[in-house]
Full PDB file with SEQRES, HELIX, SHEET, SSBOND, CRYST1, ORIGX, SCALE, CONECT and MASTER records, all heavy atoms in Angstrom:
SEQRES   1 A   31  SER SER SER ARG PRO GLY SER ILE ILE ASN GLY ILE PRO          
SEQRES   2 A   31  ASP GLY ASP GLU PHE ASN LEU ASN ALA GLN TRP LYS ASP          
SEQRES   3 A   31  GLY ASP LYS ILE GLN                                          
CRYST1    1.000    1.000    1.000  90.00  90.00  90.00 P 1           1          
ORIGX1      1.000000  0.000000  0.000000        0.00000                         
ORIGX2      0.000000  1.000000  0.000000        0.00000                         
ORIGX3      0.000000  0.000000  1.000000        0.00000                         
SCALE1      1.000000  0.000000  0.000000        0.00000                         
SCALE2      0.000000  1.000000  0.000000        0.00000                         
SCALE3      0.000000  0.000000  1.000000        0.00000                         
ATOM      1  N   SER A   1    -224.581  98.450 -84.569  1.00  0.00           N  
ATOM      2  CA  SER A   1    -225.088  98.360 -83.204  1.00  0.00           C  
ATOM      3  C   SER A   1    -226.505  97.809 -83.133  1.00  0.00           C  
ATOM      4  O   SER A   1    -227.024  97.580 -82.055  1.00  0.00           O  
ATOM      5  CB  SER A   1    -225.065  99.747 -82.550  1.00  0.00           C  
ATOM      6  OG  SER A   1    -225.914 100.642 -83.249  1.00  0.00           O  
ATOM      7  N   SER A   2    -227.134  97.605 -84.278  1.00  0.00           N  
ATOM      8  CA  SER A   2    -228.486  97.062 -84.276  1.00  0.00           C  
ATOM      9  C   SER A   2    -228.515  95.706 -83.595  1.00  0.00           C  
ATOM     10  O   SER A   2    -227.571  94.929 -83.665  1.00  0.00           O  
ATOM     11  CB  SER A   2    -228.998  96.926 -85.708  1.00  0.00           C  
ATOM     12  OG  SER A   2    -230.185  96.174 -85.724  1.00  0.00           O  
ATOM     13  N   SER A   3    -229.608  95.413 -82.913  1.00  0.00           N  
ATOM     14  CA  SER A   3    -229.732  94.132 -82.225  1.00  0.00           C  
ATOM     15  C   SER A   3    -229.880  92.978 -83.209  1.00  0.00           C  
ATOM     16  O   SER A   3    -229.787  91.830 -82.841  1.00  0.00           O  
ATOM     17  CB  SER A   3    -230.931  94.148 -81.274  1.00  0.00           C  
ATOM     18  OG  SER A   3    -232.111  94.449 -81.983  1.00  0.00           O  
ATOM     19  N   ARG A   4    -230.125  93.304 -84.458  1.00  0.00           N  
ATOM     20  CA  ARG A   4    -230.119  92.282 -85.495  1.00  0.00           C  
ATOM     21  C   ARG A   4    -229.058  92.675 -86.499  1.00  0.00           C  
ATOM     22  O   ARG A   4    -228.706  93.834 -86.621  1.00  0.00           O  
ATOM     23  CB  ARG A   4    -231.495  92.198 -86.163  1.00  0.00           C  
ATOM     24  CG  ARG A   4    -232.563  91.711 -85.222  1.00  0.00           C  
ATOM     25  CD  ARG A   4    -233.932  91.960 -85.787  1.00  0.00           C  
ATOM     26  NE  ARG A   4    -234.190  91.094 -86.928  1.00  0.00           N  
ATOM     27  CZ  ARG A   4    -235.311  91.158 -87.641  1.00  0.00           C  
ATOM     28  NH1 ARG A   4    -236.230  92.034 -87.331  1.00  0.00           N  
ATOM     29  NH2 ARG A   4    -235.521  90.353 -88.633  1.00  0.00           N  
ATOM     30  N   PRO A   5    -228.479  91.714 -87.234  1.00  0.00           N  
ATOM     31  CA  PRO A   5    -227.355  92.050 -88.104  1.00  0.00           C  
ATOM     32  C   PRO A   5    -227.732  93.068 -89.150  1.00  0.00           C  
ATOM     33  O   PRO A   5    -228.843  93.084 -89.658  1.00  0.00           O  
ATOM     34  CB  PRO A   5    -226.987  90.717 -88.750  1.00  0.00           C  
ATOM     35  CG  PRO A   5    -227.963  89.717 -88.280  1.00  0.00           C  
ATOM     36  CD  PRO A   5    -228.863  90.333 -87.276  1.00  0.00           C  
ATOM     37  N   GLY A   6    -226.802  93.950 -89.473  1.00  0.00           N  
ATOM     38  CA  GLY A   6    -227.075  94.934 -90.501  1.00  0.00           C  
ATOM     39  C   GLY A   6    -226.161  96.120 -90.396  1.00  0.00           C  
ATOM     40  O   GLY A   6    -225.255  96.168 -89.588  1.00  0.00           O  
ATOM     41  N   SER A   7    -226.382  97.094 -91.223  1.00  0.00           N  
ATOM     42  CA  SER A   7    -225.591  98.321 -91.187  1.00  0.00           C  
ATOM     43  C   SER A   7    -226.434  99.441 -91.750  1.00  0.00           C  
ATOM     44  O   SER A   7    -227.460  99.226 -92.367  1.00  0.00           O  
ATOM     45  CB  SER A   7    -224.317  98.156 -92.026  1.00  0.00           C  
ATOM     46  OG  SER A   7    -224.653  98.069 -93.399  1.00  0.00           O  
ATOM     47  N   ILE A   8    -225.987 100.668 -91.515  1.00  0.00           N  
ATOM     48  CA  ILE A   8    -226.605 101.797 -92.208  1.00  0.00           C  
ATOM     49  C   ILE A   8    -226.401 101.588 -93.696  1.00  0.00           C  
ATOM     50  O   ILE A   8    -225.337 101.158 -94.130  1.00  0.00           O  
ATOM     51  CB  ILE A   8    -225.945 103.107 -91.758  1.00  0.00           C  
ATOM     52  CG1 ILE A   8    -226.324 103.403 -90.310  1.00  0.00           C  
ATOM     53  CG2 ILE A   8    -226.324 104.252 -92.647  1.00  0.00           C  
ATOM     54  CD1 ILE A   8    -225.692 104.635 -89.754  1.00  0.00           C  
ATOM     55  N   ILE A   9    -227.415 101.864 -94.485  1.00  0.00           N  
ATOM     56  CA  ILE A   9    -227.266 101.616 -95.908  1.00  0.00           C  
ATOM     57  C   ILE A   9    -227.645 102.840 -96.722  1.00  0.00           C  
ATOM     58  O   ILE A   9    -228.578 103.554 -96.419  1.00  0.00           O  
ATOM     59  CB  ILE A   9    -228.101 100.403 -96.360  1.00  0.00           C  
ATOM     60  CG1 ILE A   9    -229.571 100.575 -95.997  1.00  0.00           C  
ATOM     61  CG2 ILE A   9    -227.560  99.123 -95.790  1.00  0.00           C  
ATOM     62  CD1 ILE A   9    -230.446  99.449 -96.502  1.00  0.00           C  
ATOM     63  N   ASN A  10    -226.863 103.082 -97.735  1.00  0.00           N  
ATOM     64  CA  ASN A  10    -227.116 104.116 -98.711  1.00  0.00           C  
ATOM     65  C   ASN A  10    -226.191 103.806 -99.879  1.00  0.00           C  
ATOM     66  O   ASN A  10    -225.042 103.462 -99.689  1.00  0.00           O  
ATOM     67  CB  ASN A  10    -226.801 105.492 -98.152  1.00  0.00           C  
ATOM     68  CG  ASN A  10    -227.189 106.585 -99.123  1.00  0.00           C  
ATOM     69  OD1 ASN A  10    -228.340 106.918 -99.255  1.00  0.00           O  
ATOM     70  ND2 ASN A  10    -226.202 107.122 -99.797  1.00  0.00           N  
ATOM     71  N   GLY A  11    -226.690 103.890-101.088  1.00  0.00           N  
ATOM     72  CA  GLY A  11    -225.835 103.571-102.209  1.00  0.00           C  
ATOM     73  C   GLY A  11    -226.387 102.425-103.009  1.00  0.00           C  
ATOM     74  O   GLY A  11    -227.583 102.306-103.209  1.00  0.00           O  
ATOM     75  N   ILE A  12    -225.536 101.546-103.476  1.00  0.00           N  
ATOM     76  CA  ILE A  12    -225.961 100.422-104.292  1.00  0.00           C  
ATOM     77  C   ILE A  12    -225.485  99.122-103.659  1.00  0.00           C  
ATOM     78  O   ILE A  12    -224.573  99.121-102.836  1.00  0.00           O  
ATOM     79  CB  ILE A  12    -225.421 100.537-105.730  1.00  0.00           C  
ATOM     80  CG1 ILE A  12    -223.880 100.606-105.725  1.00  0.00           C  
ATOM     81  CG2 ILE A  12    -225.998 101.743-106.427  1.00  0.00           C  
ATOM     82  CD1 ILE A  12    -223.286 100.561-107.097  1.00  0.00           C  
ATOM     83  N   PRO A  13    -226.103  97.979-104.036  1.00  0.00           N  
ATOM     84  CA  PRO A  13    -225.720  96.712-103.426  1.00  0.00           C  
ATOM     85  C   PRO A  13    -224.247  96.391-103.644  1.00  0.00           C  
ATOM     86  O   PRO A  13    -223.668  96.697-104.685  1.00  0.00           O  
ATOM     87  CB  PRO A  13    -226.625  95.690-104.123  1.00  0.00           C  
ATOM     88  CG  PRO A  13    -227.780  96.487-104.615  1.00  0.00           C  
ATOM     89  CD  PRO A  13    -227.220  97.834-104.973  1.00  0.00           C  
ATOM     90  N   ASP A  14    -223.648  95.772-102.667  1.00  0.00           N  
ATOM     91  CA  ASP A  14    -222.276  95.301-102.752  1.00  0.00           C  
ATOM     92  C   ASP A  14    -222.326  93.857-103.240  1.00  0.00           C  
ATOM     93  O   ASP A  14    -222.604  92.939-102.468  1.00  0.00           O  
ATOM     94  CB  ASP A  14    -221.617  95.393-101.371  1.00  0.00           C  
ATOM     95  CG  ASP A  14    -220.181  94.891-101.395  1.00  0.00           C  
ATOM     96  OD1 ASP A  14    -219.657  94.697-102.501  1.00  0.00           O  
ATOM     97  OD2 ASP A  14    -219.603  94.705-100.303  1.00  0.00           O  
ATOM     98  N   GLY A  15    -222.084  93.647-104.532  1.00  0.00           N  
ATOM     99  CA  GLY A  15    -222.215  92.312-105.109  1.00  0.00           C  
ATOM    100  C   GLY A  15    -223.669  91.890-105.106  1.00  0.00           C  
ATOM    101  O   GLY A  15    -224.555  92.637-105.511  1.00  0.00           O  
ATOM    102  N   ASP A  16    -223.931  90.682-104.629  1.00  0.00           N  
ATOM    103  CA  ASP A  16    -225.296  90.163-104.593  1.00  0.00           C  
ATOM    104  C   ASP A  16    -225.986  90.463-103.281  1.00  0.00           C  
ATOM    105  O   ASP A  16    -227.132  90.067-103.059  1.00  0.00           O  
ATOM    106  CB  ASP A  16    -225.285  88.646-104.823  1.00  0.00           C  
ATOM    107  CG  ASP A  16    -224.800  88.291-106.220  1.00  0.00           C  
ATOM    108  OD1 ASP A  16    -225.051  89.096-107.136  1.00  0.00           O  
ATOM    109  OD2 ASP A  16    -224.172  87.231-106.377  1.00  0.00           O  
ATOM    110  N   GLU A  17    -225.298  91.133-102.370  1.00  0.00           N  
ATOM    111  CA  GLU A  17    -225.861  91.381-101.049  1.00  0.00           C  
ATOM    112  C   GLU A  17    -226.482  92.772-100.979  1.00  0.00           C  
ATOM    113  O   GLU A  17    -226.168  93.659-101.773  1.00  0.00           O  
ATOM    114  CB  GLU A  17    -224.779  91.232 -99.974  1.00  0.00           C  
ATOM    115  CG  GLU A  17    -224.110  89.867 -99.957  1.00  0.00           C  
ATOM    116  CD  GLU A  17    -225.082  88.761 -99.613  1.00  0.00           C  
ATOM    117  OE1 GLU A  17    -225.997  89.020 -98.808  1.00  0.00           O  
ATOM    118  OE2 GLU A  17    -224.939  87.657-100.144  1.00  0.00           O  
ATOM    119  N   PHE A  18    -227.338  92.976 -99.984  1.00  0.00           N  
ATOM    120  CA  PHE A  18    -227.900  94.289 -99.748  1.00  0.00           C  
ATOM    121  C   PHE A  18    -227.259  94.930 -98.521  1.00  0.00           C  
ATOM    122  O   PHE A  18    -227.888  95.615 -97.745  1.00  0.00           O  
ATOM    123  CB  PHE A  18    -229.421  94.201 -99.571  1.00  0.00           C  
ATOM    124  CG  PHE A  18    -230.146  94.188-100.878  1.00  0.00           C  
ATOM    125  CD1 PHE A  18    -230.364  92.999-101.539  1.00  0.00           C  
ATOM    126  CD2 PHE A  18    -230.583  95.358-101.463  1.00  0.00           C  
ATOM    127  CE1 PHE A  18    -231.025  92.969-102.750  1.00  0.00           C  
ATOM    128  CE2 PHE A  18    -231.245  95.341-102.675  1.00  0.00           C  
ATOM    129  CZ  PHE A  18    -231.469  94.138-103.319  1.00  0.00           C  
ATOM    130  N   ASN A  19    -225.969  94.675 -98.348  1.00  0.00           N  
ATOM    131  CA  ASN A  19    -225.214  95.346 -97.296  1.00  0.00           C  
ATOM    132  C   ASN A  19    -224.556  96.551 -97.957  1.00  0.00           C  
ATOM    133  O   ASN A  19    -223.485  96.446 -98.536  1.00  0.00           O  
ATOM    134  CB  ASN A  19    -224.176  94.393 -96.707  1.00  0.00           C  
ATOM    135  CG  ASN A  19    -223.558  94.954 -95.458  1.00  0.00           C  
ATOM    136  OD1 ASN A  19    -224.151  95.789 -94.800  1.00  0.00           O  
ATOM    137  ND2 ASN A  19    -222.362  94.488 -95.134  1.00  0.00           N  
ATOM    138  N   LEU A  20    -225.219  97.689 -97.923  1.00  0.00           N  
ATOM    139  CA  LEU A  20    -224.868  98.805 -98.789  1.00  0.00           C  
ATOM    140  C   LEU A  20    -223.980  99.816 -98.085  1.00  0.00           C  
ATOM    141  O   LEU A  20    -224.176 100.125 -96.911  1.00  0.00           O  
ATOM    142  CB  LEU A  20    -226.132  99.492 -99.290  1.00  0.00           C  
ATOM    143  CG  LEU A  20    -227.157  98.566 -99.931  1.00  0.00           C  
ATOM    144  CD1 LEU A  20    -228.327  99.367-100.458  1.00  0.00           C  
ATOM    145  CD2 LEU A  20    -226.530  97.760-101.043  1.00  0.00           C  
ATOM    146  N   ASN A  21    -223.016 100.339 -98.826  1.00  0.00           N  
ATOM    147  CA  ASN A  21    -222.130 101.356 -98.295  1.00  0.00           C  
ATOM    148  C   ASN A  21    -222.689 102.743 -98.545  1.00  0.00           C  
ATOM    149  O   ASN A  21    -223.305 103.015 -99.570  1.00  0.00           O  
ATOM    150  CB  ASN A  21    -220.752 101.263 -98.945  1.00  0.00           C  
ATOM    151  CG  ASN A  21    -219.902 100.199 -98.328  1.00  0.00           C  
ATOM    152  OD1 ASN A  21    -219.932 100.020 -97.111  1.00  0.00           O  
ATOM    153  ND2 ASN A  21    -219.147  99.491 -99.142  1.00  0.00           N  
ATOM    154  N   ALA A  22    -222.446 103.650 -97.598  1.00  0.00           N  
ATOM    155  CA  ALA A  22    -222.803 105.049 -97.778  1.00  0.00           C  
ATOM    156  C   ALA A  22    -221.627 105.745 -98.458  1.00  0.00           C  
ATOM    157  O   ALA A  22    -220.548 105.855 -97.873  1.00  0.00           O  
ATOM    158  CB  ALA A  22    -223.105 105.692 -96.433  1.00  0.00           C  
ATOM    159  N   GLN A  23    -221.815 106.199 -99.688  1.00  0.00           N  
ATOM    160  CA  GLN A  23    -220.741 106.838-100.442  1.00  0.00           C  
ATOM    161  C   GLN A  23    -221.299 107.939-101.340  1.00  0.00           C  
ATOM    162  O   GLN A  23    -222.381 107.800-101.902  1.00  0.00           O  
ATOM    163  CB  GLN A  23    -220.016 105.812-101.323  1.00  0.00           C  
ATOM    164  CG  GLN A  23    -219.192 104.787-100.563  1.00  0.00           C  
ATOM    165  CD  GLN A  23    -218.458 103.858-101.509  1.00  0.00           C  
ATOM    166  OE1 GLN A  23    -218.880 103.639-102.642  1.00  0.00           O  
ATOM    167  NE2 GLN A  23    -217.340 103.308-101.044  1.00  0.00           N  
ATOM    168  N   TRP A  24    -220.530 109.025-101.454  1.00  0.00           N  
ATOM    169  CA  TRP A  24    -220.859 110.045-102.436  1.00  0.00           C  
ATOM    170  C   TRP A  24    -220.397 109.592-103.813  1.00  0.00           C  
ATOM    171  O   TRP A  24    -219.388 108.901-103.943  1.00  0.00           O  
ATOM    172  CB  TRP A  24    -220.175 111.371-102.098  1.00  0.00           C  
ATOM    173  CG  TRP A  24    -220.689 112.040-100.864  1.00  0.00           C  
ATOM    174  CD1 TRP A  24    -220.036 112.217 -99.699  1.00  0.00           C  
ATOM    175  CD2 TRP A  24    -221.975 112.625-100.692  1.00  0.00           C  
ATOM    176  NE1 TRP A  24    -220.824 112.874 -98.791  1.00  0.00           N  
ATOM    177  CE2 TRP A  24    -222.024 113.144 -99.369  1.00  0.00           C  
ATOM    178  CE3 TRP A  24    -223.102 112.770-101.505  1.00  0.00           C  
ATOM    179  CZ2 TRP A  24    -223.150 113.784 -98.864  1.00  0.00           C  
ATOM    180  CZ3 TRP A  24    -224.213 113.415-100.992  1.00  0.00           C  
ATOM    181  CH2 TRP A  24    -224.232 113.919 -99.696  1.00  0.00           C  
ATOM    182  N   LYS A  25    -221.161 109.994-104.840  1.00  0.00           N  
ATOM    183  CA  LYS A  25    -220.813 109.679-106.215  1.00  0.00           C  
ATOM    184  C   LYS A  25    -220.834 110.967-107.037  1.00  0.00           C  
ATOM    185  O   LYS A  25    -221.530 111.930-106.709  1.00  0.00           O  
ATOM    186  CB  LYS A  25    -221.797 108.667-106.821  1.00  0.00           C  
ATOM    187  CG  LYS A  25    -221.888 107.339-106.068  1.00  0.00           C  
ATOM    188  CD  LYS A  25    -220.604 106.549-106.185  1.00  0.00           C  
ATOM    189  CE  LYS A  25    -220.748 105.218-105.471  1.00  0.00           C  
ATOM    190  NZ  LYS A  25    -219.480 104.441-105.516  1.00  0.00           N  
ATOM    191  N   ASP A  26    -220.064 110.961-108.136  1.00  0.00           N  
ATOM    192  CA  ASP A  26    -220.068 112.119-109.027  1.00  0.00           C  
ATOM    193  C   ASP A  26    -221.483 112.419-109.494  1.00  0.00           C  
ATOM    194  O   ASP A  26    -222.237 111.517-109.859  1.00  0.00           O  
ATOM    195  CB  ASP A  26    -219.182 111.853-110.256  1.00  0.00           C  
ATOM    196  CG  ASP A  26    -217.710 111.813-109.904  1.00  0.00           C  
ATOM    197  OD1 ASP A  26    -217.329 112.457-108.902  1.00  0.00           O  
ATOM    198  OD2 ASP A  26    -216.950 111.133-110.619  1.00  0.00           O  
ATOM    199  N   GLY A  27    -221.840 113.678-109.481  1.00  0.00           N  
ATOM    200  CA  GLY A  27    -223.160 114.093-109.937  1.00  0.00           C  
ATOM    201  C   GLY A  27    -224.207 114.179-108.852  1.00  0.00           C  
ATOM    202  O   GLY A  27    -225.311 114.658-109.105  1.00  0.00           O  
ATOM    203  N   ASP A  28    -223.898 113.721-107.638  1.00  0.00           N  
ATOM    204  CA  ASP A  28    -224.862 113.838-106.540  1.00  0.00           C  
ATOM    205  C   ASP A  28    -225.178 115.299-106.276  1.00  0.00           C  
ATOM    206  O   ASP A  28    -224.290 116.155-106.280  1.00  0.00           O  
ATOM    207  CB  ASP A  28    -224.300 113.202-105.269  1.00  0.00           C  
ATOM    208  CG  ASP A  28    -224.263 111.687-105.344  1.00  0.00           C  
ATOM    209  OD1 ASP A  28    -224.820 111.138-106.302  1.00  0.00           O  
ATOM    210  OD2 ASP A  28    -223.678 111.061-104.436  1.00  0.00           O  
ATOM    211  N   LYS A  29    -226.449 115.556-106.019  1.00  0.00           N  
ATOM    212  CA  LYS A  29    -226.895 116.928-105.801  1.00  0.00           C  
ATOM    213  C   LYS A  29    -227.553 117.061-104.427  1.00  0.00           C  
ATOM    214  O   LYS A  29    -228.155 116.115-103.930  1.00  0.00           O  
ATOM    215  CB  LYS A  29    -227.863 117.361-106.903  1.00  0.00           C  
ATOM    216  CG  LYS A  29    -227.238 117.369-108.292  1.00  0.00           C  
ATOM    217  CD  LYS A  29    -228.195 117.885-109.337  1.00  0.00           C  
ATOM    218  CE  LYS A  29    -227.582 117.786-110.728  1.00  0.00           C  
ATOM    219  NZ  LYS A  29    -226.365 118.601-110.867  1.00  0.00           N  
ATOM    220  N   ILE A  30    -227.435 118.238-103.874  1.00  0.00           N  
ATOM    221  CA  ILE A  30    -227.982 118.518-102.548  1.00  0.00           C  
ATOM    222  C   ILE A  30    -228.862 119.754-102.649  1.00  0.00           C  
ATOM    223  O   ILE A  30    -228.441 120.801-103.150  1.00  0.00           O  
ATOM    224  CB  ILE A  30    -226.852 118.770-101.519  1.00  0.00           C  
ATOM    225  CG1 ILE A  30    -225.903 117.561-101.471  1.00  0.00           C  
ATOM    226  CG2 ILE A  30    -227.435 119.059-100.144  1.00  0.00           C  
ATOM    227  CD1 ILE A  30    -224.652 117.810-100.666  1.00  0.00           C  
ATOM    228  N   GLN A  31    -230.111 119.615-102.197  1.00  0.00           N  
ATOM    229  CA  GLN A  31    -230.999 120.769-102.120  1.00  0.00           C  
ATOM    230  C   GLN A  31    -230.742 121.512-100.811  1.00  0.00           C  
ATOM    231  O   GLN A  31    -230.623 120.884 -99.757  1.00  0.00           O  
ATOM    232  CB  GLN A  31    -232.453 120.328-102.180  1.00  0.00           C  
ATOM    233  CG  GLN A  31    -232.885 119.758-103.529  1.00  0.00           C  
ATOM    234  CD  GLN A  31    -234.315 119.259-103.465  1.00  0.00           C  
ATOM    235  OE1 GLN A  31    -234.558 118.124-103.103  1.00  0.00           O  
ATOM    236  NE2 GLN A  31    -235.257 120.133-103.807  1.00  0.00           N  
TER     237      GLN A  31                                                      
MASTER        0    0    0    0    0    0    0    6  236    1    0    3          
END                                                                             
């Protein structure tokens, strides 16, 4: 919904792009 192209990002780059997916990974910890 941003007025400029993009997305919420969390995680690691998808290929060579910085359009990042939000995903849980094994070993993630929460305080």
